[in-house]
Amino acid sequence: MPKHAETQPPKLFDDERNYGPNDPEIIEHVGSLVLQAQKRHNGTAPSYYRLGRKIIYTGVDCNAWAEAQRHAAIHESSAA
């Protein structure tokens, strides 16, 4: 029996789903359509597929992107 099971953070996106730029989850977590376009241009958006003019984000790629944005909390020690 493991002493401490490593817990995974909750996923923001469904791994089995594809998302479009207009989906509420994408707008909430990635940004508006204009901000998404800027992030894709700058390379800071989740990985995506471009099929003609259509943009498709996969849930797996969005979760990987969200995890990469995660920052660990920094705690100051009170060593006196």
PDB file of N, CA and C in Angstrom:
ATOM      1  N   MET A   1       0.843  -1.176   0.000  1.00  0.00           N
ATOM      2  CA  MET A   1       0.000   0.000   0.000  1.00  0.00           C
ATOM      3  C   MET A   1       0.894   1.247   0.000  1.00  0.00           C
ATOM      4  N   PRO A   2       0.732   2.151  -0.988  1.00  0.00           N
ATOM      5  CA  PRO A   2       1.565   3.351  -1.025  1.00  0.00           C
ATOM      6  C   PRO A   2       1.232   4.288   0.127  1.00  0.00           C
ATOM      7  N   LYS A   3       2.277   4.945   0.643  1.00  0.00           N
ATOM      8  CA  LYS A   3       2.079   5.865   1.766  1.00  0.00           C
ATOM      9  C   LYS A   3       1.228   7.062   1.344  1.00  0.00           C
ATOM     10  N   HIS A   4       1.626   7.691   0.226  1.00  0.00           N
ATOM     11  CA  HIS A   4       0.894   8.859  -0.270  1.00  0.00           C
ATOM     12  C   HIS A   4       0.687   8.694  -1.760  1.00  0.00           C
ATOM     13  N   ALA A   5      -0.538   8.580  -2.163  1.00  0.00           N
ATOM     14  CA  ALA A   5      -0.830   8.516  -3.590  1.00  0.00           C
ATOM     15  C   ALA A   5      -0.776   9.939  -4.137  1.00  0.00           C
ATOM     16  N   GLU A   6      -0.048  10.096  -5.225  1.00  0.00           N
ATOM     17  CA  GLU A   6       0.059  11.421  -5.837  1.00  0.00           C
ATOM     18  C   GLU A   6      -1.278  11.760  -6.483  1.00  0.00           C
ATOM     19  N   THR A   7      -1.856  12.887  -6.095  1.00  0.00           N
ATOM     20  CA  THR A   7      -3.146  13.274  -6.639  1.00  0.00           C
ATOM     21  C   THR A   7      -2.942  14.155  -7.856  1.00  0.00           C
ATOM     22  N   GLN A   8      -3.759  13.943  -8.840  1.00  0.00           N
ATOM     23  CA  GLN A   8      -3.725  14.737 -10.057  1.00  0.00           C
ATOM     24  C   GLN A   8      -4.661  15.926  -9.895  1.00  0.00           C
ATOM     25  N   PRO A   9      -4.273  17.091 -10.395  1.00  0.00           N
ATOM     26  CA  PRO A   9      -5.191  18.229 -10.329  1.00  0.00           C
ATOM     27  C   PRO A   9      -6.411  17.948 -11.206  1.00  0.00           C
ATOM     28  N   PRO A  10      -7.540  18.546 -10.886  1.00  0.00           N
ATOM     29  CA  PRO A  10      -8.728  18.316 -11.713  1.00  0.00           C
ATOM     30  C   PRO A  10      -8.500  18.834 -13.133  1.00  0.00           C
ATOM     31  N   LYS A  11      -9.046  18.132 -14.090  1.00  0.00           N
ATOM     32  CA  LYS A  11      -8.894  18.541 -15.486  1.00  0.00           C
ATOM     33  C   LYS A  11      -9.943  19.595 -15.814  1.00  0.00           C
ATOM     34  N   LEU A  12      -9.521  20.613 -16.542  1.00  0.00           N
ATOM     35  CA  LEU A  12     -10.433  21.677 -16.945  1.00  0.00           C
ATOM     36  C   LEU A  12     -11.226  21.302 -18.183  1.00  0.00           C
ATOM     37  N   PHE A  13     -10.678  20.396 -19.006  1.00  0.00           N
ATOM     38  CA  PHE A  13     -11.287  20.039 -20.279  1.00  0.00           C
ATOM     39  C   PHE A  13     -11.496  18.528 -20.335  1.00  0.00           C
ATOM     40  N   ASP A  14     -12.517  18.104 -21.056  1.00  0.00           N
ATOM     41  CA  ASP A  14     -12.804  16.684 -21.250  1.00  0.00           C
ATOM     42  C   ASP A  14     -11.826  16.129 -22.289  1.00  0.00           C
ATOM     43  N   ASP A  15     -11.017  15.138 -21.889  1.00  0.00           N
ATOM     44  CA  ASP A  15     -10.019  14.558 -22.783  1.00  0.00           C
ATOM     45  C   ASP A  15     -10.630  13.945 -24.038  1.00  0.00           C
ATOM     46  N   GLU A  16     -11.865  13.530 -23.977  1.00  0.00           N
ATOM     47  CA  GLU A  16     -12.506  12.839 -25.101  1.00  0.00           C
ATOM     48  C   GLU A  16     -13.213  13.794 -26.060  1.00  0.00           C
ATOM     49  N   ARG A  17     -13.114  15.072 -25.824  1.00  0.00           N
ATOM     50  CA  ARG A  17     -13.879  16.053 -26.597  1.00  0.00           C
ATOM     51  C   ARG A  17     -12.962  16.953 -27.417  1.00  0.00           C
ATOM     52  N   ASN A  18     -13.473  17.416 -28.539  1.00  0.00           N
ATOM     53  CA  ASN A  18     -12.816  18.462 -29.319  1.00  0.00           C
ATOM     54  C   ASN A  18     -13.552  19.770 -29.069  1.00  0.00           C
ATOM     55  N   TYR A  19     -12.810  20.859 -29.088  1.00  0.00           N
ATOM     56  CA  TYR A  19     -13.363  22.179 -28.801  1.00  0.00           C
ATOM     57  C   TYR A  19     -13.088  23.126 -29.951  1.00  0.00           C
ATOM     58  N   GLY A  20     -13.993  24.048 -30.153  1.00  0.00           N
ATOM     59  CA  GLY A  20     -13.796  25.113 -31.123  1.00  0.00           C
ATOM     60  C   GLY A  20     -13.535  26.421 -30.391  1.00  0.00           C
ATOM     61  N   PRO A  21     -13.069  27.423 -31.118  1.00  0.00           N
ATOM     62  CA  PRO A  21     -12.767  28.718 -30.491  1.00  0.00           C
ATOM     63  C   PRO A  21     -13.962  29.378 -29.806  1.00  0.00           C
ATOM     64  N   ASN A  22     -15.179  29.046 -30.239  1.00  0.00           N
ATOM     65  CA  ASN A  22     -16.381  29.661 -29.656  1.00  0.00           C
ATOM     66  C   ASN A  22     -16.920  28.906 -28.457  1.00  0.00           C
ATOM     67  N   ASP A  23     -16.357  27.755 -28.121  1.00  0.00           N
ATOM     68  CA  ASP A  23     -16.858  26.994 -26.976  1.00  0.00           C
ATOM     69  C   ASP A  23     -16.621  27.782 -25.687  1.00  0.00           C
ATOM     70  N   PRO A  24     -17.618  27.786 -24.795  1.00  0.00           N
ATOM     71  CA  PRO A  24     -17.503  28.578 -23.559  1.00  0.00           C
ATOM     72  C   PRO A  24     -16.271  28.226 -22.723  1.00  0.00           C
ATOM     73  N   GLU A  25     -15.890  26.939 -22.680  1.00  0.00           N
ATOM     74  CA  GLU A  25     -14.718  26.544 -21.892  1.00  0.00           C
ATOM     75  C   GLU A  25     -13.444  27.159 -22.457  1.00  0.00           C
ATOM     76  N   ILE A  26     -13.339  27.220 -23.770  1.00  0.00           N
ATOM     77  CA  ILE A  26     -12.149  27.802 -24.414  1.00  0.00           C
ATOM     78  C   ILE A  26     -12.111  29.300 -24.162  1.00  0.00           C
ATOM     79  N   ILE A  27     -13.233  29.958 -24.344  1.00  0.00           N
ATOM     80  CA  ILE A  27     -13.278  31.408 -24.108  1.00  0.00           C
ATOM     81  C   ILE A  27     -12.945  31.721 -22.654  1.00  0.00           C
ATOM     82  N   GLU A  28     -13.460  30.909 -21.728  1.00  0.00           N
ATOM     83  CA  GLU A  28     -13.200  31.160 -20.301  1.00  0.00           C
ATOM     84  C   GLU A  28     -11.729  30.986 -19.946  1.00  0.00           C
ATOM     85  N   HIS A  29     -11.099  29.931 -20.437  1.00  0.00           N
ATOM     86  CA  HIS A  29      -9.742  29.602 -19.997  1.00  0.00           C
ATOM     87  C   HIS A  29      -8.636  30.099 -20.924  1.00  0.00           C
ATOM     88  N   VAL A  30      -8.929  30.241 -22.212  1.00  0.00           N
ATOM     89  CA  VAL A  30      -7.894  30.681 -23.164  1.00  0.00           C
ATOM     90  C   VAL A  30      -8.073  32.158 -23.492  1.00  0.00           C
ATOM     91  N   GLY A  31      -9.306  32.586 -23.661  1.00  0.00           N
ATOM     92  CA  GLY A  31      -9.557  33.997 -23.935  1.00  0.00           C
ATOM     93  C   GLY A  31     -10.520  34.186 -25.092  1.00  0.00           C
ATOM     94  N   SER A  32     -10.780  35.438 -25.399  1.00  0.00           N
ATOM     95  CA  SER A  32     -11.690  35.804 -26.484  1.00  0.00           C
ATOM     96  C   SER A  32     -11.138  35.311 -27.820  1.00  0.00           C
ATOM     97  N   LEU A  33     -11.941  35.419 -28.860  1.00  0.00           N
ATOM     98  CA  LEU A  33     -11.496  35.003 -30.196  1.00  0.00           C
ATOM     99  C   LEU A  33     -10.250  35.771 -30.630  1.00  0.00           C
ATOM    100  N   VAL A  34     -10.229  37.071 -30.331  1.00  0.00           N
ATOM    101  CA  VAL A  34      -9.070  37.894 -30.702  1.00  0.00           C
ATOM    102  C   VAL A  34      -7.843  37.456 -29.903  1.00  0.00           C
ATOM    103  N   LEU A  35      -8.012  37.238 -28.606  1.00  0.00           N
ATOM    104  CA  LEU A  35      -6.892  36.808 -27.769  1.00  0.00           C
ATOM    105  C   LEU A  35      -6.397  35.426 -28.184  1.00  0.00           C
ATOM    106  N   GLN A  36      -7.310  34.532 -28.540  1.00  0.00           N
ATOM    107  CA  GLN A  36      -6.908  33.211 -29.023  1.00  0.00           C
ATOM    108  C   GLN A  36      -6.056  33.333 -30.281  1.00  0.00           C
ATOM    109  N   ALA A  37      -6.468  34.189 -31.210  1.00  0.00           N
ATOM    110  CA  ALA A  37      -5.705  34.385 -32.450  1.00  0.00           C
ATOM    111  C   ALA A  37      -4.311  34.924 -32.133  1.00  0.00           C
ATOM    112  N   GLN A  38      -4.234  35.860 -31.195  1.00  0.00           N
ATOM    113  CA  GLN A  38      -2.932  36.402 -30.799  1.00  0.00           C
ATOM    114  C   GLN A  38      -2.067  35.318 -30.177  1.00  0.00           C
ATOM    115  N   LYS A  39      -2.649  34.505 -29.311  1.00  0.00           N
ATOM    116  CA  LYS A  39      -1.893  33.430 -28.662  1.00  0.00           C
ATOM    117  C   LYS A  39      -1.433  32.387 -29.679  1.00  0.00           C
ATOM    118  N   ARG A  40      -2.281  32.066 -30.661  1.00  0.00           N
ATOM    119  CA  ARG A  40      -1.846  31.121 -31.695  1.00  0.00           C
ATOM    120  C   ARG A  40      -0.683  31.704 -32.488  1.00  0.00           C
ATOM    121  N   HIS A  41      -0.754  32.981 -32.812  1.00  0.00           N
ATOM    122  CA  HIS A  41       0.315  33.651 -33.556  1.00  0.00           C
ATOM    123  C   HIS A  41       1.617  33.673 -32.747  1.00  0.00           C
ATOM    124  N   ASN A  42       1.512  33.910 -31.440  1.00  0.00           N
ATOM    125  CA  ASN A  42       2.693  33.998 -30.574  1.00  0.00           C
ATOM    126  C   ASN A  42       3.184  32.637 -30.101  1.00  0.00           C
ATOM    127  N   GLY A  43       2.416  31.585 -30.361  1.00  0.00           N
ATOM    128  CA  GLY A  43       2.804  30.250 -29.924  1.00  0.00           C
ATOM    129  C   GLY A  43       2.510  29.965 -28.470  1.00  0.00           C
ATOM    130  N   THR A  44       1.587  30.710 -27.864  1.00  0.00           N
ATOM    131  CA  THR A  44       1.271  30.511 -26.454  1.00  0.00           C
ATOM    132  C   THR A  44      -0.123  29.921 -26.242  1.00  0.00           C
ATOM    133  N   ALA A  45      -0.792  29.533 -27.318  1.00  0.00           N
ATOM    134  CA  ALA A  45      -2.113  28.909 -27.227  1.00  0.00           C
ATOM    135  C   ALA A  45      -1.948  27.404 -27.075  1.00  0.00           C
ATOM    136  N   PRO A  46      -3.019  26.711 -26.687  1.00  0.00           N
ATOM    137  CA  PRO A  46      -2.948  25.250 -26.712  1.00  0.00           C
ATOM    138  C   PRO A  46      -2.676  24.775 -28.140  1.00  0.00           C
ATOM    139  N   SER A  47      -2.077  23.602 -28.275  1.00  0.00           N
ATOM    140  CA  SER A  47      -1.880  23.024 -29.604  1.00  0.00           C
ATOM    141  C   SER A  47      -3.238  22.891 -30.273  1.00  0.00           C
ATOM    142  N   TYR A  48      -3.255  23.034 -31.589  1.00  0.00           N
ATOM    143  CA  TYR A  48      -4.521  23.034 -32.309  1.00  0.00           C
ATOM    144  C   TYR A  48      -4.336  22.464 -33.702  1.00  0.00           C
ATOM    145  N   TYR A  49      -5.445  22.105 -34.312  1.00  0.00           N
ATOM    146  CA  TYR A  49      -5.476  21.704 -35.709  1.00  0.00           C
ATOM    147  C   TYR A  49      -6.125  22.827 -36.495  1.00  0.00           C
ATOM    148  N   ARG A  50      -5.590  23.116 -37.663  1.00  0.00           N
ATOM    149  CA  ARG A  50      -6.220  24.072 -38.574  1.00  0.00           C
ATOM    150  C   ARG A  50      -6.657  23.272 -39.795  1.00  0.00           C
ATOM    151  N   LEU A  51      -7.954  23.161 -39.964  1.00  0.00           N
ATOM    152  CA  LEU A  51      -8.531  22.458 -41.106  1.00  0.00           C
ATOM    153  C   LEU A  51      -9.195  23.498 -41.988  1.00  0.00           C
ATOM    154  N   GLY A  52      -8.468  23.957 -42.985  1.00  0.00           N
ATOM    155  CA  GLY A  52      -8.950  25.090 -43.781  1.00  0.00           C
ATOM    156  C   GLY A  52      -8.930  26.321 -42.901  1.00  0.00           C
ATOM    157  N   ARG A  53     -10.087  26.905 -42.678  1.00  0.00           N
ATOM    158  CA  ARG A  53     -10.181  28.074 -41.787  1.00  0.00           C
ATOM    159  C   ARG A  53     -10.655  27.698 -40.395  1.00  0.00           C
ATOM    160  N   LYS A  54     -10.939  26.410 -40.192  1.00  0.00           N
ATOM    161  CA  LYS A  54     -11.484  25.955 -38.911  1.00  0.00           C
ATOM    162  C   LYS A  54     -10.364  25.602 -37.941  1.00  0.00           C
ATOM    163  N   ILE A  55     -10.500  26.046 -36.683  1.00  0.00           N
ATOM    164  CA  ILE A  55      -9.552  25.747 -35.613  1.00  0.00           C
ATOM    165  C   ILE A  55     -10.197  24.714 -34.695  1.00  0.00           C
ATOM    166  N   ILE A  56      -9.439  23.662 -34.361  1.00  0.00           N
ATOM    167  CA  ILE A  56      -9.928  22.632 -33.453  1.00  0.00           C
ATOM    168  C   ILE A  56      -8.887  22.396 -32.370  1.00  0.00           C
ATOM    169  N   TYR A  57      -9.325  22.487 -31.126  1.00  0.00           N
ATOM    170  CA  TYR A  57      -8.489  22.161 -29.974  1.00  0.00           C
ATOM    171  C   TYR A  57      -8.959  20.808 -29.440  1.00  0.00           C
ATOM    172  N   THR A  58      -8.048  19.907 -29.087  1.00  0.00           N
ATOM    173  CA  THR A  58      -8.453  18.655 -28.440  1.00  0.00           C
ATOM    174  C   THR A  58      -8.411  18.865 -26.931  1.00  0.00           C
ATOM    175  N   GLY A  59      -9.255  18.137 -26.222  1.00  0.00           N
ATOM    176  CA  GLY A  59      -9.273  18.231 -24.768  1.00  0.00           C
ATOM    177  C   GLY A  59      -7.935  17.858 -24.155  1.00  0.00           C
ATOM    178  N   VAL A  60      -7.281  16.832 -24.716  1.00  0.00           N
ATOM    179  CA  VAL A  60      -5.976  16.404 -24.211  1.00  0.00           C
ATOM    180  C   VAL A  60      -4.957  17.538 -24.342  1.00  0.00           C
ATOM    181  N   ASP A  61      -4.933  18.196 -25.503  1.00  0.00           N
ATOM    182  CA  ASP A  61      -3.993  19.309 -25.711  1.00  0.00           C
ATOM    183  C   ASP A  61      -4.317  20.492 -24.806  1.00  0.00           C
ATOM    184  N   CYS A  62      -5.595  20.768 -24.607  1.00  0.00           N
ATOM    185  CA  CYS A  62      -5.981  21.879 -23.726  1.00  0.00           C
ATOM    186  C   CYS A  62      -5.586  21.601 -22.283  1.00  0.00           C
ATOM    187  N   ASN A  63      -5.760  20.357 -21.827  1.00  0.00           N
ATOM    188  CA  ASN A  63      -5.345  20.012 -20.462  1.00  0.00           C
ATOM    189  C   ASN A  63      -3.831  20.083 -20.312  1.00  0.00           C
ATOM    190  N   ALA A  64      -3.086  19.653 -21.326  1.00  0.00           N
ATOM    191  CA  ALA A  64      -1.625  19.749 -21.273  1.00  0.00           C
ATOM    192  C   ALA A  64      -1.197  21.216 -21.219  1.00  0.00           C
ATOM    193  N   TRP A  65      -1.858  22.066 -21.998  1.00  0.00           N
ATOM    194  CA  TRP A  65      -1.557  23.498 -22.007  1.00  0.00           C
ATOM    195  C   TRP A  65      -1.862  24.103 -20.632  1.00  0.00           C
ATOM    196  N   ALA A  66      -3.027  23.737 -20.067  1.00  0.00           N
ATOM    197  CA  ALA A  66      -3.401  24.278 -18.756  1.00  0.00           C
ATOM    198  C   ALA A  66      -2.398  23.847 -17.694  1.00  0.00           C
ATOM    199  N   GLU A  67      -1.968  22.598 -17.730  1.00  0.00           N
ATOM    200  CA  GLU A  67      -0.992  22.110 -16.748  1.00  0.00           C
ATOM    201  C   GLU A  67       0.339  22.849 -16.900  1.00  0.00           C
ATOM    202  N   ALA A  68       0.722  23.173 -18.133  1.00  0.00           N
ATOM    203  CA  ALA A  68       1.967  23.910 -18.367  1.00  0.00           C
ATOM    204  C   ALA A  68       1.884  25.345 -17.837  1.00  0.00           C
ATOM    205  N   GLN A  69       0.661  25.874 -17.698  1.00  0.00           N
ATOM    206  CA  GLN A  69       0.469  27.234 -17.185  1.00  0.00           C
ATOM    207  C   GLN A  69       0.472  27.270 -15.666  1.00  0.00           C
ATOM    208  N   ARG A  70       0.455  26.106 -15.046  1.00  0.00           N
ATOM    209  CA  ARG A  70       0.342  25.998 -13.594  1.00  0.00           C
ATOM    210  C   ARG A  70       1.623  26.489 -12.913  1.00  0.00           C
ATOM    211  N   HIS A  71       1.446  27.265 -11.871  1.00  0.00           N
ATOM    212  CA  HIS A  71       2.568  27.777 -11.089  1.00  0.00           C
ATOM    213  C   HIS A  71       2.461  27.228  -9.674  1.00  0.00           C
ATOM    214  N   ALA A  72       3.554  26.744  -9.157  1.00  0.00           N
ATOM    215  CA  ALA A  72       3.574  26.237  -7.784  1.00  0.00           C
ATOM    216  C   ALA A  72       3.559  27.413  -6.816  1.00  0.00           C
ATOM    217  N   ALA A  73       2.880  27.222  -5.709  1.00  0.00           N
ATOM    218  CA  ALA A  73       2.837  28.262  -4.681  1.00  0.00           C
ATOM    219  C   ALA A  73       4.197  28.322  -3.985  1.00  0.00           C
ATOM    220  N   ILE A  74       4.629  29.500  -3.681  1.00  0.00           N
ATOM    221  CA  ILE A  74       5.890  29.706  -2.978  1.00  0.00           C
ATOM    222  C   ILE A  74       5.558  30.102  -1.542  1.00  0.00           C
ATOM    223  N   HIS A  75       6.055  29.320  -0.607  1.00  0.00           N
ATOM    224  CA  HIS A  75       5.802  29.599   0.803  1.00  0.00           C
ATOM    225  C   HIS A  75       7.103  30.063   1.452  1.00  0.00           C
ATOM    226  N   GLU A  76       7.018  31.144   2.180  1.00  0.00           N
ATOM    227  CA  GLU A  76       8.182  31.640   2.910  1.00  0.00           C
ATOM    228  C   GLU A  76       8.316  30.853   4.205  1.00  0.00           C
ATOM    229  N   SER A  77       9.521  30.423   4.499  1.00  0.00           N
ATOM    230  CA  SER A  77       9.715  29.745   5.776  1.00  0.00           C
ATOM    231  C   SER A  77       9.978  30.791   6.844  1.00  0.00           C
ATOM    232  N   SER A  78       9.559  30.505   8.044  1.00  0.00           N
ATOM    233  CA  SER A  78       9.727  31.461   9.138  1.00  0.00           C
ATOM    234  C   SER A  78      10.892  31.000  10.037  1.00  0.00           C
ATOM    235  N   ALA A  79      12.051  30.803   9.416  1.00  0.00           N
ATOM    236  CA  ALA A  79      13.233  30.413  10.190  1.00  0.00           C
ATOM    237  C   ALA A  79      13.847  31.686  10.788  1.00  0.00           C
ATOM    238  N   ALA A  80      13.853  31.733  12.106  1.00  0.00           N
ATOM    239  CA  ALA A  80      14.371  32.940  12.747  1.00  0.00           C
ATOM    240  C   ALA A  80      15.610  32.646  13.560  1.00  0.00           C
TER     241      ALA A  80
END
